[in-house]
N, C-alpha and C. Protein backbone atom coordinates (compact mmCIF):
# COMPACT_ATOMS: atom_id res chain seq x y z
N MET A 1 46.36 69.89 97.84
CA MET A 1 46.61 70.80 98.93
C MET A 1 45.94 72.15 98.68
N GLN A 2 45.40 72.66 99.72
CA GLN A 2 44.75 73.95 99.61
C GLN A 2 45.74 75.05 99.94
N GLN A 3 45.72 76.07 99.10
CA GLN A 3 46.57 77.22 99.37
C GLN A 3 45.80 78.23 100.18
N ARG A 4 46.48 78.76 101.11
CA ARG A 4 45.86 79.80 101.93
C ARG A 4 46.11 81.15 101.27
N GLU A 5 45.10 81.92 101.20
CA GLU A 5 45.26 83.26 100.66
C GLU A 5 45.82 84.16 101.75
N LYS A 6 46.73 85.00 101.33
CA LYS A 6 47.28 85.96 102.27
C LYS A 6 46.26 87.06 102.51
N ALA A 7 46.11 87.39 103.73
CA ALA A 7 45.18 88.46 104.06
C ALA A 7 45.83 89.80 103.71
N SER A 8 45.10 90.59 102.98
CA SER A 8 45.65 91.89 102.63
C SER A 8 45.56 92.80 103.84
N PRO A 9 46.56 93.68 103.98
CA PRO A 9 46.54 94.56 105.15
C PRO A 9 45.35 95.52 105.08
N THR A 10 44.84 95.84 106.23
CA THR A 10 43.72 96.78 106.30
C THR A 10 44.23 98.19 106.08
N GLY A 11 43.30 99.12 105.97
CA GLY A 11 43.67 100.51 105.71
C GLY A 11 44.57 101.09 106.79
N SER A 12 44.27 100.78 108.06
CA SER A 12 45.09 101.34 109.13
C SER A 12 46.48 100.71 109.17
N GLN A 13 46.60 99.46 108.73
CA GLN A 13 47.92 98.82 108.70
C GLN A 13 48.76 99.40 107.57
N ARG A 14 48.13 99.84 106.50
CA ARG A 14 48.86 100.45 105.40
C ARG A 14 49.14 101.92 105.66
N TRP A 15 48.31 102.56 106.46
CA TRP A 15 48.42 103.99 106.68
C TRP A 15 49.69 104.36 107.44
N ALA A 16 50.02 103.61 108.47
CA ALA A 16 51.18 103.94 109.30
C ALA A 16 52.50 103.92 108.53
N PRO A 17 52.81 102.88 107.73
CA PRO A 17 54.06 102.93 106.97
C PRO A 17 54.08 104.05 105.94
N MET A 18 52.93 104.34 105.33
CA MET A 18 52.88 105.44 104.37
C MET A 18 53.09 106.77 105.07
N PHE A 19 52.51 106.90 106.24
CA PHE A 19 52.66 108.12 107.03
C PHE A 19 54.11 108.35 107.41
N MET A 20 54.77 107.30 107.88
CA MET A 20 56.19 107.44 108.27
C MET A 20 57.07 107.75 107.06
N ALA A 21 56.79 107.11 105.93
CA ALA A 21 57.57 107.39 104.72
C ALA A 21 57.35 108.82 104.25
N GLN A 22 56.14 109.33 104.39
CA GLN A 22 55.86 110.70 103.98
C GLN A 22 56.51 111.69 104.93
N ILE A 23 56.56 111.38 106.22
CA ILE A 23 57.28 112.24 107.16
C ILE A 23 58.75 112.30 106.79
N ARG A 24 59.32 111.16 106.45
CA ARG A 24 60.72 111.13 106.03
C ARG A 24 60.93 111.99 104.79
N ALA A 25 60.02 111.89 103.83
CA ALA A 25 60.13 112.68 102.61
C ALA A 25 60.01 114.18 102.91
N GLU A 26 59.11 114.54 103.81
CA GLU A 26 58.95 115.95 104.17
C GLU A 26 60.19 116.48 104.88
N LEU A 27 60.77 115.68 105.77
CA LEU A 27 62.00 116.10 106.45
C LEU A 27 63.16 116.25 105.47
N LEU A 28 63.26 115.33 104.52
CA LEU A 28 64.31 115.45 103.51
C LEU A 28 64.11 116.71 102.66
N GLN A 29 62.87 117.01 102.34
CA GLN A 29 62.59 118.22 101.57
C GLN A 29 62.98 119.46 102.37
N LEU A 30 62.71 119.46 103.66
CA LEU A 30 63.06 120.59 104.51
C LEU A 30 64.57 120.74 104.64
N ILE A 31 65.28 119.63 104.71
CA ILE A 31 66.74 119.67 104.82
C ILE A 31 67.38 120.10 103.51
N ARG A 32 66.82 119.66 102.39
CA ARG A 32 67.40 119.98 101.09
C ARG A 32 67.17 121.42 100.67
N THR A 33 66.10 122.03 101.16
CA THR A 33 65.81 123.44 100.87
C THR A 33 65.61 124.18 102.18
N PRO A 34 66.71 124.49 102.88
CA PRO A 34 66.58 125.02 104.23
C PRO A 34 66.39 126.54 104.31
N THR A 35 66.17 127.22 103.19
CA THR A 35 66.12 128.68 103.24
C THR A 35 65.01 129.18 104.15
N TYR A 36 63.84 128.60 104.07
CA TYR A 36 62.75 129.06 104.92
C TYR A 36 63.02 128.72 106.37
N LEU A 37 63.53 127.55 106.63
CA LEU A 37 63.84 127.14 108.00
C LEU A 37 64.88 128.06 108.62
N ILE A 38 65.93 128.34 107.89
CA ILE A 38 66.97 129.23 108.40
C ILE A 38 66.41 130.63 108.60
N GLY A 39 65.58 131.08 107.67
CA GLY A 39 64.99 132.41 107.78
C GLY A 39 64.13 132.58 109.01
N ILE A 40 63.27 131.63 109.29
CA ILE A 40 62.38 131.78 110.45
C ILE A 40 63.15 131.66 111.76
N VAL A 41 64.15 130.80 111.82
CA VAL A 41 64.95 130.67 113.04
C VAL A 41 65.76 131.95 113.27
N ILE A 42 66.41 132.46 112.22
CA ILE A 42 67.21 133.68 112.37
C ILE A 42 66.31 134.86 112.73
N PHE A 43 65.15 134.96 112.08
CA PHE A 43 64.23 136.06 112.39
C PHE A 43 63.80 136.03 113.85
N CYS A 44 63.45 134.87 114.35
CA CYS A 44 63.01 134.78 115.75
C CYS A 44 64.14 135.08 116.72
N ILE A 45 65.33 134.60 116.41
CA ILE A 45 66.46 134.85 117.30
C ILE A 45 66.84 136.32 117.29
N VAL A 46 66.87 136.93 116.11
CA VAL A 46 67.21 138.36 116.01
C VAL A 46 66.15 139.20 116.71
N THR A 47 64.89 138.85 116.55
CA THR A 47 63.82 139.58 117.24
C THR A 47 63.99 139.49 118.74
N SER A 48 64.37 138.33 119.23
CA SER A 48 64.59 138.19 120.67
C SER A 48 65.80 138.97 121.14
N LEU A 49 66.84 139.04 120.31
CA LEU A 49 68.05 139.78 120.69
C LEU A 49 67.83 141.29 120.64
N ILE A 50 67.04 141.76 119.69
CA ILE A 50 66.82 143.20 119.53
C ILE A 50 65.95 143.75 120.65
N SER A 51 65.00 142.96 121.11
CA SER A 51 64.09 143.46 122.14
C SER A 51 64.85 143.80 123.41
N SER A 52 64.38 144.81 124.10
CA SER A 52 65.00 145.26 125.33
C SER A 52 64.91 144.18 126.40
N PRO A 53 65.92 144.05 127.25
CA PRO A 53 65.82 143.07 128.34
C PRO A 53 64.61 143.32 129.25
N ASP A 54 64.18 144.60 129.34
CA ASP A 54 63.00 144.91 130.15
C ASP A 54 61.74 144.28 129.54
N TYR A 55 61.75 144.14 128.22
CA TYR A 55 60.60 143.56 127.52
C TYR A 55 60.90 142.16 127.01
N GLY A 56 61.75 141.45 127.72
CA GLY A 56 62.14 140.11 127.28
C GLY A 56 60.97 139.15 127.15
N ALA A 57 60.10 139.15 128.13
CA ALA A 57 58.95 138.25 128.09
C ALA A 57 57.98 138.65 126.98
N LEU A 58 57.81 139.96 126.81
CA LEU A 58 56.93 140.44 125.74
C LEU A 58 57.52 140.10 124.38
N GLY A 59 58.83 140.25 124.25
CA GLY A 59 59.50 139.87 123.00
C GLY A 59 59.37 138.39 122.72
N LEU A 60 59.45 137.60 123.77
CA LEU A 60 59.28 136.15 123.63
C LEU A 60 57.88 135.82 123.16
N ALA A 61 56.89 136.43 123.77
CA ALA A 61 55.50 136.17 123.38
C ALA A 61 55.24 136.62 121.95
N PHE A 62 55.74 137.79 121.59
CA PHE A 62 55.56 138.30 120.24
C PHE A 62 56.22 137.39 119.22
N CYS A 63 57.48 137.05 119.47
CA CYS A 63 58.22 136.23 118.51
C CYS A 63 57.64 134.83 118.43
N GLY A 64 57.26 134.26 119.55
CA GLY A 64 56.66 132.93 119.53
C GLY A 64 55.36 132.91 118.75
N GLY A 65 54.51 133.89 118.99
CA GLY A 65 53.25 133.96 118.25
C GLY A 65 53.47 134.22 116.77
N LEU A 66 54.42 135.08 116.45
CA LEU A 66 54.72 135.36 115.05
C LEU A 66 55.27 134.13 114.35
N ALA A 67 56.12 133.40 115.03
CA ALA A 67 56.67 132.18 114.44
C ALA A 67 55.58 131.15 114.19
N VAL A 68 54.66 131.01 115.15
CA VAL A 68 53.56 130.06 114.99
C VAL A 68 52.71 130.43 113.79
N LEU A 69 52.29 131.69 113.72
CA LEU A 69 51.43 132.12 112.62
C LEU A 69 52.13 132.06 111.28
N THR A 70 53.35 132.53 111.23
CA THR A 70 54.08 132.54 109.97
C THR A 70 54.31 131.13 109.47
N PHE A 71 54.76 130.28 110.35
CA PHE A 71 55.07 128.92 109.91
C PHE A 71 53.80 128.17 109.53
N ALA A 72 52.75 128.33 110.31
CA ALA A 72 51.51 127.62 110.01
C ALA A 72 50.91 128.06 108.69
N ILE A 73 50.89 129.36 108.44
CA ILE A 73 50.26 129.87 107.22
C ILE A 73 51.18 129.70 106.02
N GLU A 74 52.39 130.14 106.16
CA GLU A 74 53.31 130.16 105.03
C GLU A 74 53.74 128.76 104.59
N ARG A 75 54.26 128.01 105.49
CA ARG A 75 54.88 126.73 105.13
C ARG A 75 53.88 125.72 104.58
N VAL A 76 52.87 125.41 105.34
CA VAL A 76 51.95 124.35 104.94
C VAL A 76 51.10 124.78 103.76
N GLY A 77 50.50 125.95 103.85
CA GLY A 77 49.61 126.41 102.78
C GLY A 77 50.32 126.61 101.46
N LYS A 78 51.44 127.30 101.50
CA LYS A 78 52.17 127.57 100.27
C LYS A 78 52.77 126.29 99.69
N GLN A 79 53.22 125.40 100.54
CA GLN A 79 53.81 124.16 100.06
C GLN A 79 52.78 123.31 99.31
N ILE A 80 51.59 123.21 99.87
CA ILE A 80 50.54 122.44 99.21
C ILE A 80 50.11 123.11 97.91
N ALA A 81 49.99 124.43 97.92
CA ALA A 81 49.63 125.16 96.70
C ALA A 81 50.70 125.00 95.63
N LEU A 82 51.95 125.07 96.02
CA LEU A 82 53.05 124.91 95.06
C LEU A 82 53.05 123.50 94.47
N GLU A 83 52.85 122.51 95.31
CA GLU A 83 52.82 121.13 94.81
C GLU A 83 51.61 120.90 93.90
N ARG A 84 50.54 121.60 94.15
CA ARG A 84 49.37 121.49 93.27
C ARG A 84 49.65 122.11 91.91
N VAL A 85 50.27 123.27 91.90
CA VAL A 85 50.59 123.95 90.63
C VAL A 85 51.59 123.12 89.83
N GLU A 86 52.56 122.54 90.48
CA GLU A 86 53.58 121.75 89.78
C GLU A 86 53.06 120.39 89.31
N GLY A 87 51.86 120.01 89.72
CA GLY A 87 51.31 118.74 89.30
C GLY A 87 51.68 117.57 90.19
N TRP A 88 52.33 117.85 91.28
CA TRP A 88 52.75 116.79 92.20
C TRP A 88 51.57 116.10 92.85
N LEU A 89 50.51 116.85 93.14
CA LEU A 89 49.34 116.25 93.77
C LEU A 89 48.61 115.30 92.82
N LYS A 90 48.61 115.62 91.53
CA LYS A 90 48.01 114.69 90.56
C LYS A 90 48.80 113.39 90.52
N PHE A 91 50.10 113.51 90.60
CA PHE A 91 50.95 112.32 90.62
C PHE A 91 50.69 111.50 91.88
N LEU A 92 50.53 112.16 93.00
CA LEU A 92 50.29 111.45 94.26
C LEU A 92 48.95 110.75 94.28
N ARG A 93 47.98 111.24 93.50
CA ARG A 93 46.67 110.59 93.46
C ARG A 93 46.72 109.17 92.90
N VAL A 94 47.67 108.91 92.01
CA VAL A 94 47.75 107.57 91.42
C VAL A 94 48.60 106.63 92.26
N THR A 95 49.21 107.11 93.32
CA THR A 95 49.98 106.26 94.21
C THR A 95 49.07 105.76 95.33
N PRO A 96 49.49 104.76 96.08
CA PRO A 96 48.65 104.28 97.19
C PRO A 96 48.65 105.20 98.42
N LEU A 97 49.40 106.31 98.36
CA LEU A 97 49.45 107.23 99.50
C LEU A 97 48.07 107.85 99.72
N GLN A 98 47.59 107.72 100.93
CA GLN A 98 46.28 108.27 101.26
C GLN A 98 46.41 109.77 101.53
N PRO A 99 45.42 110.55 101.12
CA PRO A 99 45.50 112.00 101.33
C PRO A 99 45.63 112.38 102.81
N THR A 100 45.05 111.61 103.70
CA THR A 100 45.18 111.93 105.12
C THR A 100 46.61 111.75 105.61
N ALA A 101 47.30 110.73 105.10
CA ALA A 101 48.70 110.53 105.48
C ALA A 101 49.57 111.66 104.94
N TYR A 102 49.27 112.12 103.74
CA TYR A 102 50.01 113.22 103.13
C TYR A 102 49.86 114.50 103.96
N LEU A 103 48.62 114.86 104.26
CA LEU A 103 48.37 116.08 105.01
C LEU A 103 48.87 115.97 106.44
N ALA A 104 48.66 114.83 107.08
CA ALA A 104 49.11 114.65 108.46
C ALA A 104 50.63 114.72 108.56
N ALA A 105 51.34 114.17 107.59
CA ALA A 105 52.81 114.24 107.60
C ALA A 105 53.28 115.68 107.47
N LYS A 106 52.64 116.45 106.61
CA LYS A 106 53.00 117.86 106.47
C LYS A 106 52.79 118.60 107.78
N LEU A 107 51.67 118.34 108.44
CA LEU A 107 51.38 119.02 109.70
C LEU A 107 52.34 118.60 110.80
N VAL A 108 52.68 117.32 110.87
CA VAL A 108 53.60 116.84 111.91
C VAL A 108 54.99 117.45 111.73
N VAL A 109 55.48 117.49 110.50
CA VAL A 109 56.80 118.08 110.25
C VAL A 109 56.78 119.57 110.58
N SER A 110 55.70 120.25 110.23
CA SER A 110 55.58 121.67 110.55
C SER A 110 55.57 121.89 112.06
N LEU A 111 54.83 121.07 112.78
CA LEU A 111 54.77 121.22 114.24
C LEU A 111 56.11 120.90 114.90
N LEU A 112 56.82 119.90 114.39
CA LEU A 112 58.14 119.58 114.95
C LEU A 112 59.12 120.73 114.72
N THR A 113 59.10 121.27 113.53
CA THR A 113 59.99 122.40 113.22
C THR A 113 59.64 123.60 114.07
N LEU A 114 58.38 123.85 114.22
CA LEU A 114 57.92 124.96 115.04
C LEU A 114 58.31 124.77 116.50
N ALA A 115 58.20 123.56 117.00
CA ALA A 115 58.57 123.29 118.39
C ALA A 115 60.05 123.55 118.63
N VAL A 116 60.89 123.15 117.68
CA VAL A 116 62.33 123.40 117.82
C VAL A 116 62.61 124.90 117.82
N THR A 117 61.95 125.63 116.92
CA THR A 117 62.14 127.09 116.86
C THR A 117 61.70 127.76 118.15
N LEU A 118 60.56 127.36 118.68
CA LEU A 118 60.07 127.98 119.91
C LEU A 118 60.95 127.63 121.11
N ILE A 119 61.51 126.44 121.13
CA ILE A 119 62.43 126.08 122.22
C ILE A 119 63.69 126.93 122.16
N LEU A 120 64.21 127.16 120.94
CA LEU A 120 65.38 128.03 120.81
C LEU A 120 65.08 129.44 121.29
N VAL A 121 63.95 129.97 120.91
CA VAL A 121 63.56 131.32 121.34
C VAL A 121 63.35 131.36 122.84
N LEU A 122 62.74 130.34 123.40
CA LEU A 122 62.51 130.28 124.84
C LEU A 122 63.83 130.26 125.61
N VAL A 123 64.77 129.46 125.17
CA VAL A 123 66.07 129.39 125.83
C VAL A 123 66.80 130.72 125.74
N LEU A 124 66.78 131.33 124.55
CA LEU A 124 67.45 132.62 124.37
C LEU A 124 66.80 133.69 125.23
N SER A 125 65.50 133.76 125.24
CA SER A 125 64.81 134.77 126.04
C SER A 125 64.99 134.53 127.54
N ALA A 126 64.99 133.27 127.95
CA ALA A 126 65.19 132.97 129.37
C ALA A 126 66.60 133.39 129.80
N SER A 127 67.57 133.20 128.93
CA SER A 127 68.93 133.60 129.30
C SER A 127 69.06 135.13 129.34
N ARG A 128 68.33 135.83 128.50
CA ARG A 128 68.39 137.29 128.48
C ARG A 128 67.63 137.92 129.63
N THR A 129 66.56 137.29 130.09
CA THR A 129 65.76 137.88 131.16
C THR A 129 66.15 137.35 132.53
N GLY A 130 67.21 136.61 132.61
CA GLY A 130 67.66 136.10 133.89
C GLY A 130 66.92 134.86 134.34
N GLY A 131 66.34 134.15 133.43
CA GLY A 131 65.67 132.89 133.76
C GLY A 131 64.31 133.04 134.36
N THR A 132 63.65 134.21 134.21
CA THR A 132 62.33 134.39 134.78
C THR A 132 61.22 133.94 133.82
N VAL A 133 61.57 133.55 132.63
CA VAL A 133 60.56 133.11 131.68
C VAL A 133 60.42 131.61 131.77
N THR A 134 59.19 131.14 132.03
CA THR A 134 58.91 129.71 132.09
C THR A 134 57.84 129.39 131.08
N LEU A 135 57.63 128.10 130.86
CA LEU A 135 56.59 127.70 129.90
C LEU A 135 55.20 128.09 130.36
N GLY A 136 54.96 128.07 131.65
CA GLY A 136 53.62 128.34 132.15
C GLY A 136 53.33 129.80 132.42
N LYS A 137 54.35 130.61 132.57
CA LYS A 137 54.11 131.98 132.99
C LYS A 137 55.14 132.90 132.38
N LEU A 138 54.69 133.99 131.79
CA LEU A 138 55.59 135.02 131.28
C LEU A 138 55.60 136.17 132.27
N GLN A 139 56.77 136.53 132.76
CA GLN A 139 56.86 137.65 133.71
C GLN A 139 57.70 138.75 133.12
């Protein structure tokens, strides 16, 4: 009898499960060390509350832009640099995790966190300005 060889999964078939597992790991890391997450959410909410109701839309735009820049620069860049210094990236090189899955998972988790923060700020600012702030137009 002839044995059939199992076809090994292609790169794209292996990439998706690794990507999802890395997203899960990044979310767990964010939950286990929530200081930065709490800090950026509190900062954005306090900034929205401090701004005058007359400048509600301007406060929303300022806080939203600041949150985007801070989170994009601070979280992703510093996290990768810290993992490099600690030797975590050398360890990851010997695993089957592809570098694109690693980086893409970090970016997806950052974007999801940022989206939640911006939605909170948008809701708070809309309630303070009487609901005149929409996604498409700041008045």
